[in-house]
Amino acid sequence: MPRGISLTEFQKGQAIAYINDGKTILEITGILKISKSAISEFLKNPDAHGKREKTGRPRKLTPKEQRNLLRQLKKRGASIPTAQRESGLTHITRQIAFNYVQRSKQFQF
């Protein structure tokens, strides 16, 4: 489930300034038009706000493997299975390699 819009740097600075001026969280939410929970979560730990690691399934190809696959295709003009074999990408299917090449927008199919 997607999260709400994170606070901008400007909003973070304003929230800290208002707290230092002695304003309450409810007053700050009224001024900045941001939810109470967003302000209070930010003020609990300002340094860690918005830096949580992304969850989800890891990618099949690392950025290095992706570059290597495209490099093999450009250099030799070979088919995707051939470039995949020469790149040492035996752990992925031909369809995954094909989908990545299509998404890269460097080749027209």
PDB file of N, CA and C in Angstrom:
ATOM      1  N   MET A   1       0.839  -1.164   0.000  1.00  0.00           N
ATOM      2  CA  MET A   1       0.000   0.000   0.000  1.00  0.00           C
ATOM      3  C   MET A   1       0.891   1.237   0.000  1.00  0.00           C
ATOM      4  N   PRO A   2       0.640   2.178  -0.908  1.00  0.00           N
ATOM      5  CA  PRO A   2       1.508   3.348  -0.988  1.00  0.00           C
ATOM      6  C   PRO A   2       1.365   4.257   0.223  1.00  0.00           C
ATOM      7  N   ARG A   3       2.444   4.913   0.502  1.00  0.00           N
ATOM      8  CA  ARG A   3       2.442   5.867   1.600  1.00  0.00           C
ATOM      9  C   ARG A   3       1.994   7.220   1.102  1.00  0.00           C
ATOM     10  N   GLY A   4       1.710   8.100   2.033  1.00  0.00           N
ATOM     11  CA  GLY A   4       1.333   9.460   1.658  1.00  0.00           C
ATOM     12  C   GLY A   4       2.542  10.224   1.160  1.00  0.00           C
ATOM     13  N   ILE A   5       2.305  11.421   0.729  1.00  0.00           N
ATOM     14  CA  ILE A   5       3.375  12.279   0.242  1.00  0.00           C
ATOM     15  C   ILE A   5       4.278  12.634   1.419  1.00  0.00           C
ATOM     16  N   SER A   6       5.581  12.480   1.223  1.00  0.00           N
ATOM     17  CA  SER A   6       6.502  12.788   2.318  1.00  0.00           C
ATOM     18  C   SER A   6       6.693  14.303   2.423  1.00  0.00           C
ATOM     19  N   LEU A   7       7.156  14.724   3.566  1.00  0.00           N
ATOM     20  CA  LEU A   7       7.360  16.151   3.807  1.00  0.00           C
ATOM     21  C   LEU A   7       8.533  16.658   2.963  1.00  0.00           C
ATOM     22  N   THR A   8       8.381  17.848   2.439  1.00  0.00           N
ATOM     23  CA  THR A   8       9.485  18.461   1.718  1.00  0.00           C
ATOM     24  C   THR A   8      10.492  19.002   2.737  1.00  0.00           C
ATOM     25  N   GLU A   9      11.660  19.327   2.256  1.00  0.00           N
ATOM     26  CA  GLU A   9      12.687  19.893   3.147  1.00  0.00           C
ATOM     27  C   GLU A   9      12.197  21.208   3.758  1.00  0.00           C
ATOM     28  N   PHE A  10      11.490  21.988   2.971  1.00  0.00           N
ATOM     29  CA  PHE A  10      10.966  23.257   3.463  1.00  0.00           C
ATOM     30  C   PHE A  10       9.962  23.029   4.593  1.00  0.00           C
ATOM     31  N   GLN A  11       9.059  22.056   4.403  1.00  0.00           N
ATOM     32  CA  GLN A  11       8.065  21.753   5.431  1.00  0.00           C
ATOM     33  C   GLN A  11       8.722  21.220   6.696  1.00  0.00           C
ATOM     34  N   LYS A  12       9.759  20.408   6.537  1.00  0.00           N
ATOM     35  CA  LYS A  12      10.479  19.890   7.702  1.00  0.00           C
ATOM     36  C   LYS A  12      11.088  21.049   8.496  1.00  0.00           C
ATOM     37  N   GLY A  13      11.722  21.969   7.784  1.00  0.00           N
ATOM     38  CA  GLY A  13      12.325  23.134   8.453  1.00  0.00           C
ATOM     39  C   GLY A  13      11.299  23.994   9.154  1.00  0.00           C
ATOM     40  N   GLN A  14      10.158  24.177   8.502  1.00  0.00           N
ATOM     41  CA  GLN A  14       9.093  24.970   9.119  1.00  0.00           C
ATOM     42  C   GLN A  14       8.573  24.294  10.383  1.00  0.00           C
ATOM     43  N   ALA A  15       8.382  22.975  10.331  1.00  0.00           N
ATOM     44  CA  ALA A  15       7.861  22.253  11.496  1.00  0.00           C
ATOM     45  C   ALA A  15       8.818  22.383  12.673  1.00  0.00           C
ATOM     46  N   ILE A  16      10.104  22.247  12.423  1.00  0.00           N
ATOM     47  CA  ILE A  16      11.094  22.377  13.498  1.00  0.00           C
ATOM     48  C   ILE A  16      11.094  23.803  14.048  1.00  0.00           C
ATOM     49  N   ALA A  17      11.006  24.789  13.153  1.00  0.00           N
ATOM     50  CA  ALA A  17      10.994  26.187  13.605  1.00  0.00           C
ATOM     51  C   ALA A  17       9.764  26.473  14.456  1.00  0.00           C
ATOM     52  N   TYR A  18       8.614  25.972  14.056  1.00  0.00           N
ATOM     53  CA  TYR A  18       7.390  26.198  14.821  1.00  0.00           C
ATOM     54  C   TYR A  18       7.453  25.524  16.189  1.00  0.00           C
ATOM     55  N   ILE A  19       8.029  24.323  16.260  1.00  0.00           N
ATOM     56  CA  ILE A  19       8.176  23.639  17.550  1.00  0.00           C
ATOM     57  C   ILE A  19       9.105  24.437  18.449  1.00  0.00           C
ATOM     58  N   ASN A  20      10.199  24.951  17.884  1.00  0.00           N
ATOM     59  CA  ASN A  20      11.132  25.765  18.668  1.00  0.00           C
ATOM     60  C   ASN A  20      10.487  27.072  19.143  1.00  0.00           C
ATOM     61  N   ASP A  21       9.516  27.574  18.385  1.00  0.00           N
ATOM     62  CA  ASP A  21       8.788  28.782  18.789  1.00  0.00           C
ATOM     63  C   ASP A  21       7.738  28.492  19.852  1.00  0.00           C
ATOM     64  N   GLY A  22       7.511  27.213  20.147  1.00  0.00           N
ATOM     65  CA  GLY A  22       6.569  26.850  21.195  1.00  0.00           C
ATOM     66  C   GLY A  22       5.168  26.520  20.708  1.00  0.00           C
ATOM     67  N   LYS A  23       4.993  26.338  19.403  1.00  0.00           N
ATOM     68  CA  LYS A  23       3.676  25.982  18.881  1.00  0.00           C
ATOM     69  C   LYS A  23       3.411  24.503  19.121  1.00  0.00           C
ATOM     70  N   THR A  24       2.153  24.138  19.258  1.00  0.00           N
ATOM     71  CA  THR A  24       1.780  22.738  19.445  1.00  0.00           C
ATOM     72  C   THR A  24       1.683  22.047  18.085  1.00  0.00           C
ATOM     73  N   ILE A  25       1.632  20.726  18.124  1.00  0.00           N
ATOM     74  CA  ILE A  25       1.522  19.963  16.883  1.00  0.00           C
ATOM     75  C   ILE A  25       0.215  20.291  16.170  1.00  0.00           C
ATOM     76  N   LEU A  26      -0.861  20.461  16.924  1.00  0.00           N
ATOM     77  CA  LEU A  26      -2.141  20.801  16.300  1.00  0.00           C
ATOM     78  C   LEU A  26      -2.095  22.160  15.610  1.00  0.00           C
ATOM     79  N   GLU A  27      -1.400  23.117  16.196  1.00  0.00           N
ATOM     80  CA  GLU A  27      -1.258  24.420  15.557  1.00  0.00           C
ATOM     81  C   GLU A  27      -0.441  24.304  14.271  1.00  0.00           C
ATOM     82  N   ILE A  28       0.605  23.484  14.320  1.00  0.00           N
ATOM     83  CA  ILE A  28       1.467  23.300  13.143  1.00  0.00           C
ATOM     84  C   ILE A  28       0.683  22.635  12.015  1.00  0.00           C
ATOM     85  N   THR A  29      -0.141  21.627  12.361  1.00  0.00           N
ATOM     86  CA  THR A  29      -0.928  20.964  11.312  1.00  0.00           C
ATOM     87  C   THR A  29      -1.894  21.934  10.648  1.00  0.00           C
ATOM     88  N   GLY A  30      -2.438  22.844  11.401  1.00  0.00           N
ATOM     89  CA  GLY A  30      -3.329  23.847  10.820  1.00  0.00           C
ATOM     90  C   GLY A  30      -2.599  24.810   9.909  1.00  0.00           C
ATOM     91  N   ILE A  31      -1.397  25.184  10.287  1.00  0.00           N
ATOM     92  CA  ILE A  31      -0.620  26.141   9.493  1.00  0.00           C
ATOM     93  C   ILE A  31      -0.099  25.493   8.213  1.00  0.00           C
ATOM     94  N   LEU A  32       0.503  24.294   8.352  1.00  0.00           N
ATOM     95  CA  LEU A  32       1.146  23.642   7.209  1.00  0.00           C
ATOM     96  C   LEU A  32       0.197  22.797   6.368  1.00  0.00           C
ATOM     97  N   LYS A  33      -1.013  22.560   6.863  1.00  0.00           N
ATOM     98  CA  LYS A  33      -2.001  21.722   6.172  1.00  0.00           C
ATOM     99  C   LYS A  33      -1.466  20.306   5.942  1.00  0.00           C
ATOM    100  N   ILE A  34      -0.852  19.752   6.986  1.00  0.00           N
ATOM    101  CA  ILE A  34      -0.306  18.391   6.962  1.00  0.00           C
ATOM    102  C   ILE A  34      -0.929  17.650   8.131  1.00  0.00           C
ATOM    103  N   SER A  35      -1.102  16.336   7.980  1.00  0.00           N
ATOM    104  CA  SER A  35      -1.768  15.575   9.033  1.00  0.00           C
ATOM    105  C   SER A  35      -0.948  15.579  10.324  1.00  0.00           C
ATOM    106  N   LYS A  36      -1.667  15.380  11.413  1.00  0.00           N
ATOM    107  CA  LYS A  36      -1.048  15.364  12.739  1.00  0.00           C
ATOM    108  C   LYS A  36      -0.049  14.223  12.856  1.00  0.00           C
ATOM    109  N   SER A  37      -0.406  13.061  12.298  1.00  0.00           N
ATOM    110  CA  SER A  37       0.491  11.904  12.399  1.00  0.00           C
ATOM    111  C   SER A  37       1.782  12.129  11.615  1.00  0.00           C
ATOM    112  N   ALA A  38       1.697  12.792  10.464  1.00  0.00           N
ATOM    113  CA  ALA A  38       2.902  13.063   9.670  1.00  0.00           C
ATOM    114  C   ALA A  38       3.853  13.971  10.436  1.00  0.00           C
ATOM    115  N   ILE A  39       3.315  15.005  11.053  1.00  0.00           N
ATOM    116  CA  ILE A  39       4.145  15.942  11.819  1.00  0.00           C
ATOM    117  C   ILE A  39       4.749  15.253  13.037  1.00  0.00           C
ATOM    118  N   SER A  40       3.919  14.512  13.777  1.00  0.00           N
ATOM    119  CA  SER A  40       4.431  13.894  15.007  1.00  0.00           C
ATOM    120  C   SER A  40       5.460  12.815  14.701  1.00  0.00           C
ATOM    121  N   GLU A  41       5.249  12.032  13.632  1.00  0.00           N
ATOM    122  CA  GLU A  41       6.237  11.003  13.263  1.00  0.00           C
ATOM    123  C   GLU A  41       7.556  11.648  12.848  1.00  0.00           C
ATOM    124  N   PHE A  42       7.477  12.756  12.123  1.00  0.00           N
ATOM    125  CA  PHE A  42       8.698  13.457  11.734  1.00  0.00           C
ATOM    126  C   PHE A  42       9.432  13.989  12.955  1.00  0.00           C
ATOM    127  N   LEU A  43       8.699  14.582  13.904  1.00  0.00           N
ATOM    128  CA  LEU A  43       9.335  15.200  15.069  1.00  0.00           C
ATOM    129  C   LEU A  43       9.902  14.166  16.044  1.00  0.00           C
ATOM    130  N   LYS A  44       9.418  12.915  15.990  1.00  0.00           N
ATOM    131  CA  LYS A  44       9.973  11.862  16.853  1.00  0.00           C
ATOM    132  C   LYS A  44      11.433  11.593  16.494  1.00  0.00           C
ATOM    133  N   ASN A  45      11.716  11.532  15.196  1.00  0.00           N
ATOM    134  CA  ASN A  45      13.071  11.250  14.744  1.00  0.00           C
ATOM    135  C   ASN A  45      13.298  11.928  13.395  1.00  0.00           C
ATOM    136  N   PRO A  46      13.644  13.208  13.395  1.00  0.00           N
ATOM    137  CA  PRO A  46      13.774  13.947  12.132  1.00  0.00           C
ATOM    138  C   PRO A  46      14.856  13.399  11.195  1.00  0.00           C
ATOM    139  N   ASP A  47      15.932  12.840  11.755  1.00  0.00           N
ATOM    140  CA  ASP A  47      17.019  12.363  10.899  1.00  0.00           C
ATOM    141  C   ASP A  47      16.627  11.134  10.092  1.00  0.00           C
ATOM    142  N   ALA A  48      15.766  10.282  10.637  1.00  0.00           N
ATOM    143  CA  ALA A  48      15.406   9.040   9.964  1.00  0.00           C
ATOM    144  C   ALA A  48      14.150   9.178   9.114  1.00  0.00           C
ATOM    145  N   HIS A  49      13.511  10.342   9.121  1.00  0.00           N
ATOM    146  CA  HIS A  49      12.249  10.508   8.397  1.00  0.00           C
ATOM    147  C   HIS A  49      12.444  10.344   6.893  1.00  0.00           C
ATOM    148  N   GLY A  50      11.650   9.450   6.291  1.00  0.00           N
ATOM    149  CA  GLY A  50      11.689   9.237   4.844  1.00  0.00           C
ATOM    150  C   GLY A  50      12.858   8.413   4.363  1.00  0.00           C
ATOM    151  N   LYS A  51      13.559   7.729   5.256  1.00  0.00           N
ATOM    152  CA  LYS A  51      14.741   6.974   4.849  1.00  0.00           C
ATOM    153  C   LYS A  51      14.589   5.471   5.086  1.00  0.00           C
ATOM    154  N   ARG A  52      13.358   5.020   5.258  1.00  0.00           N
ATOM    155  CA  ARG A  52      13.121   3.596   5.468  1.00  0.00           C
ATOM    156  C   ARG A  52      13.450   2.834   4.195  1.00  0.00           C
ATOM    157  N   GLU A  53      14.023   1.641   4.361  1.00  0.00           N
ATOM    158  CA  GLU A  53      14.375   0.833   3.215  1.00  0.00           C
ATOM    159  C   GLU A  53      13.131   0.385   2.468  1.00  0.00           C
ATOM    160  N   LYS A  54      13.240   0.325   1.160  1.00  0.00           N
ATOM    161  CA  LYS A  54      12.132  -0.126   0.337  1.00  0.00           C
ATOM    162  C   LYS A  54      11.982  -1.636   0.497  1.00  0.00           C
ATOM    163  N   THR A  55      10.738  -2.070   0.577  1.00  0.00           N
ATOM    164  CA  THR A  55      10.478  -3.499   0.684  1.00  0.00           C
ATOM    165  C   THR A  55      10.030  -4.020  -0.665  1.00  0.00           C
ATOM    166  N   GLY A  56       9.930  -5.306  -0.772  1.00  0.00           N
ATOM    167  CA  GLY A  56       9.445  -5.905  -2.006  1.00  0.00           C
ATOM    168  C   GLY A  56      10.445  -6.884  -2.577  1.00  0.00           C
ATOM    169  N   ARG A  57      10.048  -7.475  -3.653  1.00  0.00           N
ATOM    170  CA  ARG A  57      10.864  -8.494  -4.292  1.00  0.00           C
ATOM    171  C   ARG A  57      12.102  -7.861  -4.929  1.00  0.00           C
ATOM    172  N   PRO A  58      13.271  -8.463  -4.706  1.00  0.00           N
ATOM    173  CA  PRO A  58      14.480  -7.911  -5.330  1.00  0.00           C
ATOM    174  C   PRO A  58      14.483  -8.157  -6.836  1.00  0.00           C
ATOM    175  N   ARG A  59      15.195  -7.342  -7.553  1.00  0.00           N
ATOM    176  CA  ARG A  59      15.284  -7.475  -9.004  1.00  0.00           C
ATOM    177  C   ARG A  59      16.065  -8.721  -9.380  1.00  0.00           C
ATOM    178  N   LYS A  60      15.717  -9.268 -10.546  1.00  0.00           N
ATOM    179  CA  LYS A  60      16.412 -10.458 -11.048  1.00  0.00           C
ATOM    180  C   LYS A  60      17.815 -10.106 -11.530  1.00  0.00           C
ATOM    181  N   LEU A  61      17.957  -8.929 -12.123  1.00  0.00           N
ATOM    182  CA  LEU A  61      19.248  -8.497 -12.650  1.00  0.00           C
ATOM    183  C   LEU A  61      19.766  -7.300 -11.871  1.00  0.00           C
ATOM    184  N   THR A  62      21.035  -7.348 -11.530  1.00  0.00           N
ATOM    185  CA  THR A  62      21.661  -6.193 -10.904  1.00  0.00           C
ATOM    186  C   THR A  62      21.931  -5.146 -11.996  1.00  0.00           C
ATOM    187  N   PRO A  63      22.159  -3.898 -11.632  1.00  0.00           N
ATOM    188  CA  PRO A  63      22.473  -2.888 -12.660  1.00  0.00           C
ATOM    189  C   PRO A  63      23.691  -3.272 -13.504  1.00  0.00           C
ATOM    190  N   LYS A  64      24.666  -3.909 -12.887  1.00  0.00           N
ATOM    191  CA  LYS A  64      25.850  -4.331 -13.632  1.00  0.00           C
ATOM    192  C   LYS A  64      25.489  -5.399 -14.667  1.00  0.00           C
ATOM    193  N   GLU A  65      24.649  -6.355 -14.279  1.00  0.00           N
ATOM    194  CA  GLU A  65      24.224  -7.400 -15.212  1.00  0.00           C
ATOM    195  C   GLU A  65      23.382  -6.812 -16.339  1.00  0.00           C
ATOM    196  N   GLN A  66      22.564  -5.825 -16.025  1.00  0.00           N
ATOM    197  CA  GLN A  66      21.744  -5.173 -17.046  1.00  0.00           C
ATOM    198  C   GLN A  66      22.624  -4.477 -18.079  1.00  0.00           C
ATOM    199  N   ARG A  67      23.619  -3.747 -17.607  1.00  0.00           N
ATOM    200  CA  ARG A  67      24.536  -3.055 -18.531  1.00  0.00           C
ATOM    201  C   ARG A  67      25.301  -4.058 -19.387  1.00  0.00           C
ATOM    202  N   ASN A  68      25.721  -5.152 -18.764  1.00  0.00           N
ATOM    203  CA  ASN A  68      26.487  -6.162 -19.486  1.00  0.00           C
ATOM    204  C   ASN A  68      25.642  -6.798 -20.594  1.00  0.00           C
ATOM    205  N   LEU A  69      24.389  -7.093 -20.310  1.00  0.00           N
ATOM    206  CA  LEU A  69      23.497  -7.673 -21.320  1.00  0.00           C
ATOM    207  C   LEU A  69      23.337  -6.719 -22.501  1.00  0.00           C
ATOM    208  N   LEU A  70      23.073  -5.447 -22.229  1.00  0.00           N
ATOM    209  CA  LEU A  70      22.920  -4.477 -23.310  1.00  0.00           C
ATOM    210  C   LEU A  70      24.222  -4.296 -24.087  1.00  0.00           C
ATOM    211  N   ARG A  71      25.340  -4.327 -23.387  1.00  0.00           N
ATOM    212  CA  ARG A  71      26.637  -4.186 -24.052  1.00  0.00           C
ATOM    213  C   ARG A  71      26.870  -5.344 -25.028  1.00  0.00           C
ATOM    214  N   GLN A  72      26.529  -6.563 -24.610  1.00  0.00           N
ATOM    215  CA  GLN A  72      26.694  -7.730 -25.485  1.00  0.00           C
ATOM    216  C   GLN A  72      25.801  -7.612 -26.723  1.00  0.00           C
ATOM    217  N   LEU A  73      24.587  -7.128 -26.538  1.00  0.00           N
ATOM    218  CA  LEU A  73      23.676  -6.981 -27.678  1.00  0.00           C
ATOM    219  C   LEU A  73      24.174  -5.918 -28.658  1.00  0.00           C
ATOM    220  N   LYS A  74      24.700  -4.817 -28.142  1.00  0.00           N
ATOM    221  CA  LYS A  74      25.197  -3.751 -29.012  1.00  0.00           C
ATOM    222  C   LYS A  74      26.460  -4.179 -29.747  1.00  0.00           C
ATOM    223  N   LYS A  75      27.353  -4.830 -29.010  1.00  0.00           N
ATOM    224  CA  LYS A  75      28.664  -5.163 -29.559  1.00  0.00           C
ATOM    225  C   LYS A  75      28.557  -6.206 -30.679  1.00  0.00           C
ATOM    226  N   ARG A  76      27.820  -7.237 -30.450  1.00  0.00           N
ATOM    227  CA  ARG A  76      27.790  -8.342 -31.387  1.00  0.00           C
ATOM    228  C   ARG A  76      26.561  -8.338 -32.292  1.00  0.00           C
ATOM    229  N   GLY A  77      25.533  -7.620 -31.913  1.00  0.00           N
ATOM    230  CA  GLY A  77      24.309  -7.673 -32.691  1.00  0.00           C
ATOM    231  C   GLY A  77      23.682  -9.058 -32.623  1.00  0.00           C
ATOM    232  N   ALA A  78      23.958  -9.749 -31.550  1.00  0.00           N
ATOM    233  CA  ALA A  78      23.512 -11.132 -31.397  1.00  0.00           C
ATOM    234  C   ALA A  78      22.070 -11.182 -30.909  1.00  0.00           C
ATOM    235  N   SER A  79      21.526 -12.385 -30.903  1.00  0.00           N
ATOM    236  CA  SER A  79      20.187 -12.572 -30.383  1.00  0.00           C
ATOM    237  C   SER A  79      20.229 -12.454 -28.857  1.00  0.00           C
ATOM    238  N   ILE A  80      19.066 -12.309 -28.267  1.00  0.00           N
ATOM    239  CA  ILE A  80      19.003 -12.171 -26.812  1.00  0.00           C
ATOM    240  C   ILE A  80      19.531 -13.420 -26.111  1.00  0.00           C
ATOM    241  N   PRO A  81      19.142 -14.645 -26.535  1.00  0.00           N
ATOM    242  CA  PRO A  81      19.697 -15.829 -25.849  1.00  0.00           C
ATOM    243  C   PRO A  81      21.220 -15.931 -25.944  1.00  0.00           C
ATOM    244  N   THR A  82      21.770 -15.543 -27.104  1.00  0.00           N
ATOM    245  CA  THR A  82      23.223 -15.587 -27.266  1.00  0.00           C
ATOM    246  C   THR A  82      23.900 -14.568 -26.360  1.00  0.00           C
ATOM    247  N   ALA A  83      23.379 -13.342 -26.336  1.00  0.00           N
ATOM    248  CA  ALA A  83      23.947 -12.296 -25.472  1.00  0.00           C
ATOM    249  C   ALA A  83      23.808 -12.686 -24.009  1.00  0.00           C
ATOM    250  N   GLN A  84      22.707 -13.320 -23.684  1.00  0.00           N
ATOM    251  CA  GLN A  84      22.469 -13.759 -22.306  1.00  0.00           C
ATOM    252  C   GLN A  84      23.504 -14.814 -21.904  1.00  0.00           C
ATOM    253  N   ARG A  85      23.762 -15.760 -22.794  1.00  0.00           N
ATOM    254  CA  ARG A  85      24.753 -16.816 -22.505  1.00  0.00           C
ATOM    255  C   ARG A  85      26.148 -16.220 -22.366  1.00  0.00           C
ATOM    256  N   GLU A  86      26.511 -15.326 -23.288  1.00  0.00           N
ATOM    257  CA  GLU A  86      27.848 -14.736 -23.265  1.00  0.00           C
ATOM    258  C   GLU A  86      28.053 -13.805 -22.074  1.00  0.00           C
ATOM    259  N   SER A  87      26.962 -13.261 -21.551  1.00  0.00           N
ATOM    260  CA  SER A  87      27.047 -12.408 -20.362  1.00  0.00           C
ATOM    261  C   SER A  87      27.083 -13.225 -19.084  1.00  0.00           C
ATOM    262  N   GLY A  88      26.832 -14.525 -19.200  1.00  0.00           N
ATOM    263  CA  GLY A  88      26.828 -15.371 -18.015  1.00  0.00           C
ATOM    264  C   GLY A  88      25.543 -15.273 -17.219  1.00  0.00           C
ATOM    265  N   LEU A  89      24.464 -14.903 -17.871  1.00  0.00           N
ATOM    266  CA  LEU A  89      23.185 -14.727 -17.180  1.00  0.00           C
ATOM    267  C   LEU A  89      22.326 -15.977 -17.342  1.00  0.00           C
ATOM    268  N   THR A  90      22.808 -17.072 -16.814  1.00  0.00           N
ATOM    269  CA  THR A  90      22.067 -18.329 -16.936  1.00  0.00           C
ATOM    270  C   THR A  90      20.983 -18.468 -15.881  1.00  0.00           C
ATOM    271  N   HIS A  91      20.948 -17.582 -14.903  1.00  0.00           N
ATOM    272  CA  HIS A  91      19.965 -17.684 -13.818  1.00  0.00           C
ATOM    273  C   HIS A  91      18.631 -17.011 -14.149  1.00  0.00           C
ATOM    274  N   ILE A  92      18.515 -16.418 -15.340  1.00  0.00           N
ATOM    275  CA  ILE A  92      17.247 -15.790 -15.721  1.00  0.00           C
ATOM    276  C   ILE A  92      16.735 -16.432 -16.999  1.00  0.00           C
ATOM    277  N   THR A  93      15.446 -16.281 -17.230  1.00  0.00           N
ATOM    278  CA  THR A  93      14.861 -16.837 -18.441  1.00  0.00           C
ATOM    279  C   THR A  93      15.044 -15.882 -19.609  1.00  0.00           C
ATOM    280  N   ARG A  94      14.805 -16.413 -20.811  1.00  0.00           N
ATOM    281  CA  ARG A  94      14.911 -15.601 -22.010  1.00  0.00           C
ATOM    282  C   ARG A  94      13.878 -14.468 -21.972  1.00  0.00           C
ATOM    283  N   GLN A  95      12.701 -14.762 -21.422  1.00  0.00           N
ATOM    284  CA  GLN A  95      11.634 -13.758 -21.370  1.00  0.00           C
ATOM    285  C   GLN A  95      12.015 -12.580 -20.459  1.00  0.00           C
ATOM    286  N   ILE A  96      12.665 -12.858 -19.345  1.00  0.00           N
ATOM    287  CA  ILE A  96      13.096 -11.779 -18.437  1.00  0.00           C
ATOM    288  C   ILE A  96      14.119 -10.899 -19.147  1.00  0.00           C
ATOM    289  N   ALA A  97      15.063 -11.516 -19.854  1.00  0.00           N
ATOM    290  CA  ALA A  97      16.056 -10.746 -20.600  1.00  0.00           C
ATOM    291  C   ALA A  97      15.375  -9.912 -21.685  1.00  0.00           C
ATOM    292  N   PHE A  98      14.432 -10.504 -22.385  1.00  0.00           N
ATOM    293  CA  PHE A  98      13.713  -9.798 -23.437  1.00  0.00           C
ATOM    294  C   PHE A  98      12.937  -8.616 -22.863  1.00  0.00           C
ATOM    295  N   ASN A  99      12.262  -8.818 -21.737  1.00  0.00           N
ATOM    296  CA  ASN A  99      11.494  -7.735 -21.111  1.00  0.00           C
ATOM    297  C   ASN A  99      12.409  -6.581 -20.707  1.00  0.00           C
ATOM    298  N   TYR A 100      13.579  -6.893 -20.162  1.00  0.00           N
ATOM    299  CA  TYR A 100      14.493  -5.817 -19.775  1.00  0.00           C
ATOM    300  C   TYR A 100      14.963  -5.042 -21.001  1.00  0.00           C
ATOM    301  N   VAL A 101      15.313  -5.750 -22.063  1.00  0.00           N
ATOM    302  CA  VAL A 101      15.797  -5.083 -23.273  1.00  0.00           C
ATOM    303  C   VAL A 101      14.700  -4.195 -23.843  1.00  0.00           C
ATOM    304  N   GLN A 102      13.454  -4.655 -23.810  1.00  0.00           N
ATOM    305  CA  GLN A 102      12.343  -3.836 -24.292  1.00  0.00           C
ATOM    306  C   GLN A 102      12.180  -2.567 -23.459  1.00  0.00           C
ATOM    307  N   ARG A 103      12.310  -2.695 -22.139  1.00  0.00           N
ATOM    308  CA  ARG A 103      12.144  -1.551 -21.244  1.00  0.00           C
ATOM    309  C   ARG A 103      13.297  -0.567 -21.336  1.00  0.00           C
ATOM    310  N   SER A 104      14.456  -1.017 -21.803  1.00  0.00           N
ATOM    311  CA  SER A 104      15.625  -0.132 -21.840  1.00  0.00           C
ATOM    312  C   SER A 104      15.502   0.956 -22.908  1.00  0.00           C
ATOM    313  N   LYS A 105      14.651   0.786 -23.894  1.00  0.00           N
ATOM    314  CA  LYS A 105      14.396   1.753 -24.966  1.00  0.00           C
ATOM    315  C   LYS A 105      15.626   2.028 -25.820  1.00  0.00           C
ATOM    316  N   GLN A 106      16.612   1.151 -25.745  1.00  0.00           N
ATOM    317  CA  GLN A 106      17.786   1.317 -26.597  1.00  0.00           C
ATOM    318  C   GLN A 106      17.683   0.458 -27.851  1.00  0.00           C
ATOM    319  N   PHE A 107      16.729  -0.468 -27.858  1.00  0.00           N
ATOM    320  CA  PHE A 107      16.528  -1.352 -28.994  1.00  0.00           C
ATOM    321  C   PHE A 107      15.062  -1.329 -29.381  1.00  0.00           C
ATOM    322  N   GLN A 108      14.792  -1.395 -30.672  1.00  0.00           N
ATOM    323  CA  GLN A 108      13.415  -1.426 -31.167  1.00  0.00           C
ATOM    324  C   GLN A 108      13.097  -2.839 -31.632  1.00  0.00           C
ATOM    325  N   PHE A 109      11.987  -3.380 -31.148  1.00  0.00           N
ATOM    326  CA  PHE A 109      11.539  -4.709 -31.574  1.00  0.00           C
ATOM    327  C   PHE A 109      10.182  -4.608 -32.203  1.00  0.00           C
TER     328      PHE A 109
END
